Protein backbone atom coordinates (compact mmCIF):
# COMPACT_ATOMS: atom_id res chain seq x y z
CA UNK A 1 52.84 56.62 -7.00
CA UNK A 2 49.61 55.07 -7.54
CA UNK A 3 47.96 52.77 -5.06
CA UNK A 4 49.52 49.54 -6.72
CA UNK A 5 53.12 50.87 -6.45
CA UNK A 6 52.39 52.05 -2.92
CA UNK A 7 51.03 48.69 -2.05
CA UNK A 8 53.99 46.83 -3.60
CA UNK A 9 56.50 49.14 -1.69
CA UNK A 10 54.61 48.12 1.53
CA UNK A 11 54.78 44.54 0.74
CA UNK A 12 58.58 44.84 -0.36
CA UNK A 13 59.30 46.55 3.02
CA UNK A 14 57.51 43.86 4.94
CA UNK A 15 59.26 41.11 3.04
CA UNK A 16 62.71 42.79 4.09
CA UNK A 17 61.39 43.19 7.66
CA UNK A 18 60.61 39.51 7.96
CA UNK A 19 63.93 38.39 6.43
CA UNK A 20 65.65 40.31 9.13
CA UNK A 21 63.32 38.60 11.60
CA UNK A 22 64.77 35.14 10.13
CA UNK A 23 68.30 36.37 10.66
CA UNK A 24 67.46 37.26 14.28
CA UNK A 25 65.60 34.17 15.25
CA UNK A 26 67.41 31.44 16.99
CA UNK A 27 64.84 28.86 17.13
CA UNK A 28 63.99 26.89 13.89
CA UNK A 29 60.35 27.00 14.26
CA UNK A 30 60.54 30.82 14.50
CA UNK A 31 62.72 31.08 11.61
CA UNK A 32 60.15 29.04 9.67
CA UNK A 33 57.36 31.08 10.52
CA UNK A 34 59.19 34.30 9.72
CA UNK A 35 60.15 32.78 6.19
CA UNK A 36 56.77 31.88 5.48
CA UNK A 37 55.55 35.40 6.25
CA UNK A 38 58.49 36.93 4.09
CA UNK A 39 57.04 34.54 1.22
CA UNK A 40 53.39 35.77 1.66
CA UNK A 41 54.53 39.31 1.22
CA UNK A 42 56.11 38.36 -1.94
CA UNK A 43 52.94 36.93 -2.95
CA UNK A 44 51.21 39.91 -2.07
CA UNK A 45 53.66 42.04 -4.03
CA UNK A 46 53.08 39.88 -7.06
CA UNK A 47 49.44 40.28 -6.90
CA UNK A 48 49.52 44.06 -6.71
CA UNK A 49 52.16 43.92 -9.67
CA UNK A 50 49.63 41.73 -11.71
CA UNK A 51 46.74 44.02 -10.89
CA UNK A 52 48.72 47.14 -12.13
CA UNK A 53 49.75 45.23 -15.20
CA UNK A 54 45.93 44.14 -15.81
CA UNK A 55 47.19 40.55 -15.50
CA UNK A 56 45.31 37.47 -14.09
CA UNK A 57 45.48 37.06 -10.39
CA UNK A 58 45.76 33.69 -8.40
CA UNK A 59 44.04 34.33 -5.04
CA UNK A 60 43.97 30.60 -4.07
CA UNK A 61 47.60 30.87 -2.68
CA UNK A 62 46.66 33.17 0.02
CA UNK A 63 46.28 30.73 2.99
CA UNK A 64 48.71 31.09 5.63
CA UNK A 65 47.06 29.51 8.53
CA UNK A 66 47.07 25.89 7.60
CA UNK A 67 50.77 25.93 7.36
CA UNK A 68 51.15 27.57 10.72
CA UNK A 69 49.62 24.79 12.54
CA UNK A 70 52.71 22.59 12.08
CA UNK A 71 55.08 25.24 12.95
CA UNK A 72 53.22 26.03 16.41
CA UNK A 73 53.41 22.23 17.11
CA UNK A 74 57.34 22.42 16.60
CA UNK A 75 57.60 25.52 18.79
CA UNK A 76 55.79 23.69 21.69
CA UNK A 77 58.20 20.73 21.33
CA UNK A 78 60.90 23.23 21.53
CA UNK A 79 59.62 25.58 24.22
CA UNK A 80 62.53 24.74 26.63
CA UNK A 81 65.05 25.81 23.88
CA UNK A 82 63.49 29.44 23.65
CA UNK A 83 65.63 32.21 25.01
CA UNK A 84 65.07 35.80 24.12
CA UNK A 85 65.47 39.04 25.51
CA UNK A 86 62.99 41.88 25.94
CA UNK A 87 64.49 43.60 22.60
CA UNK A 88 63.80 40.74 20.57
CA UNK A 89 60.11 40.38 21.89
CA UNK A 90 59.84 44.04 21.12
CA UNK A 91 60.85 43.48 17.34
CA UNK A 92 57.98 40.96 17.05
CA UNK A 93 55.55 43.23 18.87
CA UNK A 94 56.59 45.93 16.13
CA UNK A 95 55.84 43.38 13.28
CA UNK A 96 52.11 43.04 14.96
CA UNK A 97 51.88 46.96 14.52
CA UNK A 98 53.20 46.73 11.02
CA UNK A 99 50.44 44.10 10.02
CA UNK A 100 47.78 46.04 11.75
CA UNK A 101 48.80 49.23 9.58
CA UNK A 102 48.85 47.11 6.50
CA UNK A 103 45.56 45.73 7.02
CA UNK A 104 44.08 49.39 7.80
CA UNK A 105 45.71 50.51 4.63
CA UNK A 106 44.24 47.58 2.19
CA UNK A 107 40.78 48.24 3.78
CA UNK A 108 40.97 52.02 3.25
CA UNK A 109 42.17 51.64 -0.25
CA UNK A 110 39.25 49.10 -1.03
CA UNK A 111 36.71 51.50 -0.14
CA UNK A 112 38.22 54.18 -2.59
CA UNK A 113 38.33 51.49 -5.55
CA UNK A 114 35.51 51.38 -8.11
CA UNK A 115 36.33 47.96 -9.54
CA UNK A 116 34.57 45.25 -7.48
CA UNK A 117 37.41 42.75 -8.42
CA UNK A 118 40.03 45.01 -7.25
CA UNK A 119 37.98 45.87 -3.95
CA UNK A 120 37.71 42.24 -3.35
CA UNK A 121 41.42 41.70 -3.84
CA UNK A 122 42.39 44.43 -1.49
CA UNK A 123 39.91 43.10 1.12
CA UNK A 124 41.13 39.71 0.99
CA UNK A 125 44.70 40.87 1.28
CA UNK A 126 43.73 42.93 4.30
CA UNK A 127 42.17 39.68 5.73
CA UNK A 128 45.58 38.09 5.12
CA UNK A 129 47.24 40.59 7.12
CA UNK A 130 44.98 39.97 10.00
CA UNK A 131 45.98 36.33 9.91
CA UNK A 132 49.68 37.44 9.89
CA UNK A 133 48.96 39.62 12.94
CA UNK A 134 47.31 36.72 14.76
CA UNK A 135 50.48 34.58 14.11
CA UNK A 136 52.73 37.20 15.45
CA UNK A 137 50.43 37.65 18.61
CA UNK A 138 50.70 33.90 19.08
CA UNK A 139 54.39 34.14 18.78
CA UNK A 140 54.92 36.94 21.15
CA UNK A 141 52.37 35.15 23.77
CA UNK A 142 54.65 31.95 23.28
CA UNK A 143 57.78 33.85 23.80
CA UNK A 144 56.71 35.85 26.80
CA UNK A 145 55.44 32.65 28.62
CA UNK A 146 56.60 29.56 26.77
CA UNK A 147 55.76 27.33 29.80
CA UNK A 148 52.33 28.39 30.05
CA UNK A 149 51.65 28.95 26.54
CA UNK A 150 48.59 27.15 24.58
CA UNK A 151 47.90 27.95 21.10
CA UNK A 152 44.67 29.30 20.38
CA UNK A 153 41.90 27.15 18.81
CA UNK A 154 42.90 28.74 15.46
CA UNK A 155 46.31 27.17 15.58
């Protein structure tokens, strides 16, 4: 399995993980966030697929944070309707670890690639994984203390 096939496998697994989170989330704002994260994984998958086929790549679609602001506003409005157990929160914490692992994988592979273009793409996707991780960290913070939660300046 080459680096692209492995990256595509990682992204497919990530998409499936977030789709499962969508099915478990009770709150509409959380469902939207996890759907968006799953869709981002599909975008990453397609980028790696295009790289493997030596096709053009559109990196302009890799900006998640702007959409997230609206969703966190929705969560803030719905914070009195959030009721999760520790098992569900752990599920989200596990997703944070997945994103960290993905970021590390892409950053490491970027170092191994010779093509400056490919290296840049892997680093950009690693940066996207950092954004995903930050979104998830905000969700966990929100879920653990909804009454006291204030979104970070980034959101």
